[in-house]
PDB file of N, CA and C in Angstrom:
ATOM      1  N   UNK A   1      86.730  51.747  31.062  1.00  0.00           N
ATOM      2  CA  UNK A   1      86.044  50.640  30.417  1.00  0.00           C
ATOM      3  C   UNK A   1      84.586  50.639  30.851  1.00  0.00           C
ATOM      4  N   UNK A   2      83.744  50.058  30.049  1.00  0.00           N
ATOM      5  CA  UNK A   2      82.347  49.965  30.460  1.00  0.00           C
ATOM      6  C   UNK A   2      81.813  48.578  30.144  1.00  0.00           C
ATOM      7  N   UNK A   3      80.648  48.320  30.703  1.00  0.00           N
ATOM      8  CA  UNK A   3      79.986  47.026  30.584  1.00  0.00           C
ATOM      9  C   UNK A   3      78.768  47.191  29.690  1.00  0.00           C
ATOM     10  N   UNK A   4      78.580  46.249  28.766  1.00  0.00           N
ATOM     11  CA  UNK A   4      77.383  46.186  27.944  1.00  0.00           C
ATOM     12  C   UNK A   4      76.394  45.267  28.655  1.00  0.00           C
ATOM     13  N   UNK A   5      75.153  45.710  28.782  1.00  0.00           N
ATOM     14  CA  UNK A   5      74.100  44.902  29.392  1.00  0.00           C
ATOM     15  C   UNK A   5      72.971  44.802  28.370  1.00  0.00           C
ATOM     16  N   UNK A   6      72.740  43.596  27.859  1.00  0.00           N
ATOM     17  CA  UNK A   6      71.739  43.407  26.816  1.00  0.00           C
ATOM     18  C   UNK A   6      70.572  42.555  27.254  1.00  0.00           C
ATOM     19  N   UNK A   7      69.548  42.540  26.413  1.00  0.00           N
ATOM     20  CA  UNK A   7      68.306  41.810  26.626  1.00  0.00           C
ATOM     21  C   UNK A   7      67.534  42.350  27.829  1.00  0.00           C
ATOM     22  N   UNK A   8      67.522  43.676  27.943  1.00  0.00           N
ATOM     23  CA  UNK A   8      66.805  44.315  29.043  1.00  0.00           C
ATOM     24  C   UNK A   8      65.339  44.550  28.695  1.00  0.00           C
ATOM     25  N   UNK A   9      64.533  44.611  29.720  1.00  0.00           N
ATOM     26  CA  UNK A   9      63.131  44.959  29.564  1.00  0.00           C
ATOM     27  C   UNK A   9      63.025  46.402  29.060  1.00  0.00           C
ATOM     28  N   UNK A  10      62.009  46.691  28.281  1.00  0.00           N
ATOM     29  CA  UNK A  10      61.808  48.053  27.802  1.00  0.00           C
ATOM     30  C   UNK A  10      61.278  48.978  28.907  1.00  0.00           C
ATOM     31  N   UNK A  11      60.978  48.405  30.059  1.00  0.00           N
ATOM     32  CA  UNK A  11      60.467  49.185  31.192  1.00  0.00           C
ATOM     33  C   UNK A  11      61.592  49.598  32.143  1.00  0.00           C
ATOM     34  N   UNK A  12      62.825  49.280  31.807  1.00  0.00           N
ATOM     35  CA  UNK A  12      63.961  49.475  32.695  1.00  0.00           C
ATOM     36  C   UNK A  12      64.263  50.965  32.921  1.00  0.00           C
ATOM     37  N   UNK A  13      64.791  51.274  34.116  1.00  0.00           N
ATOM     38  CA  UNK A  13      65.227  52.640  34.416  1.00  0.00           C
ATOM     39  C   UNK A  13      66.684  52.610  34.866  1.00  0.00           C
ATOM     40  N   UNK A  14      67.316  53.766  34.867  1.00  0.00           N
ATOM     41  CA  UNK A  14      68.691  53.865  35.343  1.00  0.00           C
ATOM     42  C   UNK A  14      68.794  53.416  36.797  1.00  0.00           C
ATOM     43  N   UNK A  15      67.808  53.771  37.602  1.00  0.00           N
ATOM     44  CA  UNK A  15      67.829  53.379  39.012  1.00  0.00           C
ATOM     45  C   UNK A  15      67.772  51.865  39.178  1.00  0.00           C
ATOM     46  N   UNK A  16      66.981  51.188  38.339  1.00  0.00           N
ATOM     47  CA  UNK A  16      66.909  49.723  38.393  1.00  0.00           C
ATOM     48  C   UNK A  16      68.285  49.113  38.150  1.00  0.00           C
ATOM     49  N   UNK A  17      68.943  49.573  37.105  1.00  0.00           N
ATOM     50  CA  UNK A  17      70.262  49.035  36.756  1.00  0.00           C
ATOM     51  C   UNK A  17      71.289  49.384  37.822  1.00  0.00           C
ATOM     52  N   UNK A  18      71.267  50.616  38.283  1.00  0.00           N
ATOM     53  CA  UNK A  18      72.205  51.063  39.324  1.00  0.00           C
ATOM     54  C   UNK A  18      72.079  50.195  40.573  1.00  0.00           C
ATOM     55  N   UNK A  19      70.853  49.872  40.948  1.00  0.00           N
ATOM     56  CA  UNK A  19      70.601  49.060  42.139  1.00  0.00           C
ATOM     57  C   UNK A  19      71.209  47.658  42.009  1.00  0.00           C
ATOM     58  N   UNK A  20      71.048  47.041  40.844  1.00  0.00           N
ATOM     59  CA  UNK A  20      71.582  45.697  40.634  1.00  0.00           C
ATOM     60  C   UNK A  20      73.108  45.712  40.626  1.00  0.00           C
ATOM     61  N   UNK A  21      73.712  46.645  39.908  1.00  0.00           N
ATOM     62  CA  UNK A  21      75.166  46.677  39.775  1.00  0.00           C
ATOM     63  C   UNK A  21      75.854  47.192  41.033  1.00  0.00           C
ATOM     64  N   UNK A  22      75.156  47.938  41.868  1.00  0.00           N
ATOM     65  CA  UNK A  22      75.745  48.450  43.110  1.00  0.00           C
ATOM     66  C   UNK A  22      76.134  47.315  44.061  1.00  0.00           C
ATOM     67  N   UNK A  23      75.551  46.141  43.882  1.00  0.00           N
ATOM     68  CA  UNK A  23      75.914  44.991  44.710  1.00  0.00           C
ATOM     69  C   UNK A  23      77.349  44.534  44.450  1.00  0.00           C
ATOM     70  N   UNK A  24      77.931  44.976  43.331  1.00  0.00           N
ATOM     71  CA  UNK A  24      79.278  44.536  42.940  1.00  0.00           C
ATOM     72  C   UNK A  24      80.315  45.646  43.035  1.00  0.00           C
ATOM     73  N   UNK A  25      79.901  46.839  43.442  1.00  0.00           N
ATOM     74  CA  UNK A  25      80.835  47.948  43.607  1.00  0.00           C
ATOM     75  C   UNK A  25      80.174  49.282  43.330  1.00  0.00           C
ATOM     76  N   UNK A  26      81.003  50.286  43.151  1.00  0.00           N
ATOM     77  CA  UNK A  26      80.522  51.646  42.923  1.00  0.00           C
ATOM     78  C   UNK A  26      80.188  51.860  41.455  1.00  0.00           C
ATOM     79  N   UNK A  27      78.962  52.241  41.194  1.00  0.00           N
ATOM     80  CA  UNK A  27      78.510  52.515  39.830  1.00  0.00           C
ATOM     81  C   UNK A  27      78.760  53.997  39.547  1.00  0.00           C
ATOM     82  N   UNK A  28      79.594  54.255  38.549  1.00  0.00           N
ATOM     83  CA  UNK A  28      79.914  55.640  38.190  1.00  0.00           C
ATOM     84  C   UNK A  28      78.893  56.232  37.232  1.00  0.00           C
ATOM     85  N   UNK A  29      78.417  55.410  36.297  1.00  0.00           N
ATOM     86  CA  UNK A  29      77.523  55.941  35.263  1.00  0.00           C
ATOM     87  C   UNK A  29      76.681  54.823  34.674  1.00  0.00           C
ATOM     88  N   UNK A  30      75.434  55.143  34.345  1.00  0.00           N
ATOM     89  CA  UNK A  30      74.544  54.230  33.628  1.00  0.00           C
ATOM     90  C   UNK A  30      73.990  54.996  32.435  1.00  0.00           C
ATOM     91  N   UNK A  31      74.092  54.391  31.254  1.00  0.00           N
ATOM     92  CA  UNK A  31      73.539  55.019  30.039  1.00  0.00           C
ATOM     93  C   UNK A  31      72.612  54.015  29.362  1.00  0.00           C
ATOM     94  N   UNK A  32      71.361  54.436  29.164  1.00  0.00           N
ATOM     95  CA  UNK A  32      70.370  53.600  28.486  1.00  0.00           C
ATOM     96  C   UNK A  32      69.997  54.297  27.175  1.00  0.00           C
ATOM     97  N   UNK A  33      70.505  53.803  26.046  1.00  0.00           N
ATOM     98  CA  UNK A  33      70.167  54.426  24.754  1.00  0.00           C
ATOM     99  C   UNK A  33      68.677  54.306  24.439  1.00  0.00           C
ATOM    100  N   UNK A  34      68.155  55.318  23.780  1.00  0.00           N
ATOM    101  CA  UNK A  34      66.759  55.305  23.363  1.00  0.00           C
ATOM    102  C   UNK A  34      66.681  55.493  21.843  1.00  0.00           C
ATOM    103  N   UNK A  35      65.597  55.035  21.270  1.00  0.00           N
ATOM    104  CA  UNK A  35      65.356  55.184  19.841  1.00  0.00           C
ATOM    105  C   UNK A  35      65.120  56.659  19.528  1.00  0.00           C
ATOM    106  N   UNK A  36      65.764  57.166  18.508  1.00  0.00           N
ATOM    107  CA  UNK A  36      65.637  58.593  18.150  1.00  0.00           C
ATOM    108  C   UNK A  36      64.220  58.978  17.755  1.00  0.00           C
ATOM    109  N   UNK A  37      63.547  58.102  17.058  1.00  0.00           N
ATOM    110  CA  UNK A  37      62.220  58.435  16.552  1.00  0.00           C
ATOM    111  C   UNK A  37      61.122  58.265  17.592  1.00  0.00           C
ATOM    112  N   UNK A  38      61.183  57.171  18.371  1.00  0.00           N
ATOM    113  CA  UNK A  38      60.095  56.890  19.312  1.00  0.00           C
ATOM    114  C   UNK A  38      60.413  57.295  20.747  1.00  0.00           C
ATOM    115  N   UNK A  39      61.705  57.436  21.070  1.00  0.00           N
ATOM    116  CA  UNK A  39      62.096  57.757  22.436  1.00  0.00           C
ATOM    117  C   UNK A  39      62.060  56.553  23.362  1.00  0.00           C
ATOM    118  N   UNK A  40      61.740  55.394  22.800  1.00  0.00           N
ATOM    119  CA  UNK A  40      61.628  54.166  23.597  1.00  0.00           C
ATOM    120  C   UNK A  40      63.008  53.574  23.863  1.00  0.00           C
ATOM    121  N   UNK A  41      63.158  52.977  25.038  1.00  0.00           N
ATOM    122  CA  UNK A  41      64.391  52.293  25.412  1.00  0.00           C
ATOM    123  C   UNK A  41      64.673  51.203  24.388  1.00  0.00           C
ATOM    124  N   UNK A  42      65.954  51.018  24.024  1.00  0.00           N
ATOM    125  CA  UNK A  42      66.310  50.072  22.964  1.00  0.00           C
ATOM    126  C   UNK A  42      66.609  48.668  23.474  1.00  0.00           C
ATOM    127  N   UNK A  43      66.562  48.439  24.780  1.00  0.00           N
ATOM    128  CA  UNK A  43      66.736  47.084  25.313  1.00  0.00           C
ATOM    129  C   UNK A  43      68.150  46.745  25.729  1.00  0.00           C
ATOM    130  N   UNK A  44      69.025  47.736  25.780  1.00  0.00           N
ATOM    131  CA  UNK A  44      70.371  47.504  26.283  1.00  0.00           C
ATOM    132  C   UNK A  44      70.868  48.762  26.983  1.00  0.00           C
ATOM    133  N   UNK A  45      71.970  48.604  27.723  1.00  0.00           N
ATOM    134  CA  UNK A  45      72.524  49.731  28.480  1.00  0.00           C
ATOM    135  C   UNK A  45      74.028  49.564  28.618  1.00  0.00           C
ATOM    136  N   UNK A  46      74.667  50.625  29.077  1.00  0.00           N
ATOM    137  CA  UNK A  46      76.090  50.594  29.378  1.00  0.00           C
ATOM    138  C   UNK A  46      76.272  51.049  30.813  1.00  0.00           C
ATOM    139  N   UNK A  47      77.129  50.339  31.536  1.00  0.00           N
ATOM    140  CA  UNK A  47      77.387  50.650  32.942  1.00  0.00           C
ATOM    141  C   UNK A  47      78.888  50.841  33.125  1.00  0.00           C
ATOM    142  N   UNK A  48      79.272  51.907  33.808  1.00  0.00           N
ATOM    143  CA  UNK A  48      80.670  52.125  34.166  1.00  0.00           C
ATOM    144  C   UNK A  48      80.789  52.009  35.674  1.00  0.00           C
ATOM    145  N   UNK A  49      81.801  51.248  36.110  1.00  0.00           N
ATOM    146  CA  UNK A  49      82.018  51.056  37.540  1.00  0.00           C
ATOM    147  C   UNK A  49      83.369  51.637  37.933  1.00  0.00           C
ATOM    148  N   UNK A  50      83.594  51.752  39.218  1.00  0.00           N
ATOM    149  CA  UNK A  50      84.800  52.395  39.750  1.00  0.00           C
ATOM    150  C   UNK A  50      86.082  51.672  39.339  1.00  0.00           C
ATOM    151  N   UNK A  51      86.108  50.341  39.427  1.00  0.00           N
ATOM    152  CA  UNK A  51      87.329  49.608  39.104  1.00  0.00           C
ATOM    153  C   UNK A  51      87.033  48.471  38.128  1.00  0.00           C
ATOM    154  N   UNK A  52      88.080  48.029  37.469  1.00  0.00           N
ATOM    155  CA  UNK A  52      87.938  46.919  36.534  1.00  0.00           C
ATOM    156  C   UNK A  52      87.590  45.627  37.276  1.00  0.00           C
ATOM    157  N   UNK A  53      88.097  45.470  38.489  1.00  0.00           N
ATOM    158  CA  UNK A  53      87.784  44.280  39.287  1.00  0.00           C
ATOM    159  C   UNK A  53      86.284  44.219  39.597  1.00  0.00           C
ATOM    160  N   UNK A  54      85.676  45.362  39.890  1.00  0.00           N
ATOM    161  CA  UNK A  54      84.235  45.409  40.140  1.00  0.00           C
ATOM    162  C   UNK A  54      83.463  45.053  38.869  1.00  0.00           C
ATOM    163  N   UNK A  55      83.927  45.573  37.740  1.00  0.00           N
ATOM    164  CA  UNK A  55      83.273  45.254  36.469  1.00  0.00           C
ATOM    165  C   UNK A  55      83.359  43.762  36.179  1.00  0.00           C
ATOM    166  N   UNK A  56      84.538  43.185  36.380  1.00  0.00           N
ATOM    167  CA  UNK A  56      84.727  41.755  36.122  1.00  0.00           C
ATOM    168  C   UNK A  56      83.806  40.903  36.987  1.00  0.00           C
ATOM    169  N   UNK A  57      83.672  41.256  38.263  1.00  0.00           N
ATOM    170  CA  UNK A  57      82.809  40.502  39.181  1.00  0.00           C
ATOM    171  C   UNK A  57      81.340  40.602  38.749  1.00  0.00           C
ATOM    172  N   UNK A  58      80.916  41.799  38.349  1.00  0.00           N
ATOM    173  CA  UNK A  58      79.536  41.988  37.892  1.00  0.00           C
ATOM    174  C   UNK A  58      79.270  41.179  36.623  1.00  0.00           C
ATOM    175  N   UNK A  59      80.208  41.206  35.693  1.00  0.00           N
ATOM    176  CA  UNK A  59      80.049  40.455  34.438  1.00  0.00           C
ATOM    177  C   UNK A  59      79.962  38.962  34.734  1.00  0.00           C
ATOM    178  N   UNK A  60      80.872  38.482  35.543  1.00  0.00           N
ATOM    179  CA  UNK A  60      80.924  37.054  35.875  1.00  0.00           C
ATOM    180  C   UNK A  60      79.623  36.582  36.523  1.00  0.00           C
ATOM    181  N   UNK A  61      79.078  37.399  37.398  1.00  0.00           N
ATOM    182  CA  UNK A  61      77.888  37.007  38.150  1.00  0.00           C
ATOM    183  C   UNK A  61      76.593  37.207  37.364  1.00  0.00           C
ATOM    184  N   UNK A  62      76.491  38.305  36.627  1.00  0.00           N
ATOM    185  CA  UNK A  62      75.217  38.661  36.005  1.00  0.00           C
ATOM    186  C   UNK A  62      75.010  38.122  34.593  1.00  0.00           C
ATOM    187  N   UNK A  63      76.080  37.765  33.889  1.00  0.00           N
ATOM    188  CA  UNK A  63      75.898  37.246  32.533  1.00  0.00           C
ATOM    189  C   UNK A  63      75.119  35.931  32.588  1.00  0.00           C
ATOM    190  N   UNK A  64      73.992  35.909  31.907  1.00  0.00           N
ATOM    191  CA  UNK A  64      73.136  34.725  31.893  1.00  0.00           C
ATOM    192  C   UNK A  64      72.119  34.676  33.020  1.00  0.00           C
ATOM    193  N   UNK A  65      72.191  35.626  33.950  1.00  0.00           N
ATOM    194  CA  UNK A  65      71.246  35.647  35.076  1.00  0.00           C
ATOM    195  C   UNK A  65      69.862  36.094  34.592  1.00  0.00           C
ATOM    196  N   UNK A  66      68.836  35.580  35.249  1.00  0.00           N
ATOM    197  CA  UNK A  66      67.464  35.992  34.956  1.00  0.00           C
ATOM    198  C   UNK A  66      67.128  37.236  35.767  1.00  0.00           C
ATOM    199  N   UNK A  67      66.594  38.245  35.082  1.00  0.00           N
ATOM    200  CA  UNK A  67      66.182  39.473  35.753  1.00  0.00           C
ATOM    201  C   UNK A  67      65.022  40.068  34.977  1.00  0.00           C
ATOM    202  N   UNK A  68      63.941  40.344  35.656  1.00  0.00           N
ATOM    203  CA  UNK A  68      62.724  40.879  35.051  1.00  0.00           C
ATOM    204  C   UNK A  68      62.247  39.972  33.904  1.00  0.00           C
ATOM    205  N   UNK A  69      62.290  38.664  34.152  1.00  0.00           N
ATOM    206  CA  UNK A  69      61.852  37.633  33.203  1.00  0.00           C
ATOM    207  C   UNK A  69      62.668  37.597  31.908  1.00  0.00           C
ATOM    208  N   UNK A  70      63.914  38.039  31.983  1.00  0.00           N
ATOM    209  CA  UNK A  70      64.797  38.011  30.816  1.00  0.00           C
ATOM    210  C   UNK A  70      66.176  37.509  31.224  1.00  0.00           C
ATOM    211  N   UNK A  71      66.825  36.793  30.313  1.00  0.00           N
ATOM    212  CA  UNK A  71      68.187  36.326  30.566  1.00  0.00           C
ATOM    213  C   UNK A  71      69.159  37.415  30.110  1.00  0.00           C
ATOM    214  N   UNK A  72      69.885  37.986  31.067  1.00  0.00           N
ATOM    215  CA  UNK A  72      70.792  39.089  30.757  1.00  0.00           C
ATOM    216  C   UNK A  72      72.004  38.638  29.952  1.00  0.00           C
ATOM    217  N   UNK A  73      72.440  39.509  29.086  1.00  0.00           N
ATOM    218  CA  UNK A  73      73.697  39.328  28.367  1.00  0.00           C
ATOM    219  C   UNK A  73      74.609  40.452  28.860  1.00  0.00           C
ATOM    220  N   UNK A  74      75.656  40.082  29.579  1.00  0.00           N
ATOM    221  CA  UNK A  74      76.530  41.071  30.201  1.00  0.00           C
ATOM    222  C   UNK A  74      77.973  40.763  29.818  1.00  0.00           C
ATOM    223  N   UNK A  75      78.645  41.748  29.212  1.00  0.00           N
ATOM    224  CA  UNK A  75      80.057  41.578  28.867  1.00  0.00           C
ATOM    225  C   UNK A  75      80.732  42.932  28.729  1.00  0.00           C
ATOM    226  N   UNK A  76      82.044  42.912  28.521  1.00  0.00           N
ATOM    227  CA  UNK A  76      82.768  44.164  28.337  1.00  0.00           C
ATOM    228  C   UNK A  76      82.299  44.807  27.042  1.00  0.00           C
ATOM    229  N   UNK A  77      82.057  46.100  27.105  1.00  0.00           N
ATOM    230  CA  UNK A  77      81.608  46.825  25.916  1.00  0.00           C
ATOM    231  C   UNK A  77      82.759  46.926  24.923  1.00  0.00           C
ATOM    232  N   UNK A  78      82.425  46.756  23.664  1.00  0.00           N
ATOM    233  CA  UNK A  78      83.415  46.909  22.597  1.00  0.00           C
ATOM    234  C   UNK A  78      83.280  48.304  22.007  1.00  0.00           C
ATOM    235  N   UNK A  79      84.361  48.818  21.447  1.00  0.00           N
ATOM    236  CA  UNK A  79      84.261  50.138  20.802  1.00  0.00           C
ATOM    237  C   UNK A  79      83.237  50.108  19.685  1.00  0.00           C
ATOM    238  N   UNK A  80      82.555  51.203  19.503  1.00  0.00           N
ATOM    239  CA  UNK A  80      81.533  51.307  18.470  1.00  0.00           C
ATOM    240  C   UNK A  80      82.175  51.267  17.094  1.00  0.00           C
ATOM    241  N   UNK A  81      81.587  50.481  16.202  1.00  0.00           N
ATOM    242  CA  UNK A  81      82.065  50.410  14.831  1.00  0.00           C
ATOM    243  C   UNK A  81      81.202  51.310  13.973  1.00  0.00           C
ATOM    244  N   UNK A  82      81.842  52.003  13.057  1.00  0.00           N
ATOM    245  CA  UNK A  82      81.095  52.868  12.152  1.00  0.00           C
ATOM    246  C   UNK A  82      80.701  52.052  10.928  1.00  0.00           C
ATOM    247  N   UNK A  83      79.438  51.630  10.877  1.00  0.00           N
ATOM    248  CA  UNK A  83      78.952  50.791   9.783  1.00  0.00           C
ATOM    249  C   UNK A  83      78.308  51.600   8.668  1.00  0.00           C
ATOM    250  N   UNK A  84      78.335  52.906   8.797  1.00  0.00           N
ATOM    251  CA  UNK A  84      77.723  53.722   7.753  1.00  0.00           C
ATOM    252  C   UNK A  84      78.610  53.712   6.520  1.00  0.00           C
ATOM    253  N   UNK A  85      77.996  53.607   5.383  1.00  0.00           N
ATOM    254  CA  UNK A  85      78.735  53.603   4.126  1.00  0.00           C
ATOM    255  C   UNK A  85      78.722  55.004   3.534  1.00  0.00           C
ATOM    256  N   UNK A  86      79.828  55.370   2.964  1.00  0.00           N
ATOM    257  CA  UNK A  86      79.927  56.679   2.338  1.00  0.00           C
ATOM    258  C   UNK A  86      79.730  56.530   0.832  1.00  0.00           C
ATOM    259  N   UNK A  87      78.850  57.310   0.284  1.00  0.00           N
ATOM    260  CA  UNK A  87      78.580  57.275  -1.144  1.00  0.00           C
ATOM    261  C   UNK A  87      78.999  58.586  -1.796  1.00  0.00           C
ATOM    262  N   UNK A  88      79.983  59.204  -1.236  1.00  0.00           N
ATOM    263  CA  UNK A  88      80.358  60.515  -1.747  1.00  0.00           C
ATOM    264  C   UNK A  88      79.439  61.533  -1.122  1.00  0.00           C
ATOM    265  N   UNK A  89      79.621  62.735  -1.426  1.00  0.00           N
ATOM    266  CA  UNK A  89      78.745  63.694  -0.787  1.00  0.00           C
ATOM    267  C   UNK A  89      78.719  64.996  -1.543  1.00  0.00           C
ATOM    268  N   UNK A  90      77.889  65.843  -1.089  1.00  0.00           N
ATOM    269  CA  UNK A  90      77.789  67.149  -1.709  1.00  0.00           C
ATOM    270  C   UNK A  90      77.061  67.099  -3.032  1.00  0.00           C
ATOM    271  N   UNK A  91      76.847  68.244  -3.552  1.00  0.00           N
ATOM    272  CA  UNK A  91      76.124  68.369  -4.818  1.00  0.00           C
ATOM    273  C   UNK A  91      77.116  68.313  -5.966  1.00  0.00           C
ATOM    274  N   UNK A  92      76.771  67.556  -6.954  1.00  0.00           N
ATOM    275  CA  UNK A  92      77.646  67.469  -8.121  1.00  0.00           C
ATOM    276  C   UNK A  92      76.912  68.083  -9.317  1.00  0.00           C
ATOM    277  N   UNK A  93      77.630  68.870 -10.022  1.00  0.00           N
ATOM    278  CA  UNK A  93      77.056  69.471 -11.209  1.00  0.00           C
ATOM    279  C   UNK A  93      77.901  68.999 -12.390  1.00  0.00           C
ATOM    280  N   UNK A  94      77.448  67.960 -13.053  1.00  0.00           N
ATOM    281  CA  UNK A  94      78.208  67.367 -14.140  1.00  0.00           C
ATOM    282  C   UNK A  94      77.821  67.922 -15.515  1.00  0.00           C
ATOM    283  N   UNK A  95      77.067  68.980 -15.553  1.00  0.00           N
ATOM    284  CA  UNK A  95      76.624  69.523 -16.832  1.00  0.00           C
ATOM    285  C   UNK A  95      77.748  70.214 -17.596  1.00  0.00           C
ATOM    286  N   UNK A  96      78.639  70.849 -16.902  1.00  0.00           N
ATOM    287  CA  UNK A  96      79.614  71.693 -17.587  1.00  0.00           C
ATOM    288  C   UNK A  96      80.974  71.090 -17.591  1.00  0.00           C
TER     289      UNK A  96
END
């Protein structure tokens, strides 16, 4: 399972997040998505911790907390939904 961390500063680094979450247990992984076109941080991250109990404690404590002049939104990450619409594909040759 992983934790969603939203409303982050665009100046955030993996080390910054790791440092905050390490207070609640062992941080296994931090992923900060970036915009494909600009390479800029998108303002949210995902954190994986060693145990679910550690994740729960971090969520309980950090959700709504002020950090870097922003109110954090911290909760269990939900599976990604595929919102892309399919309009068919490939080349169609309707002449013949």
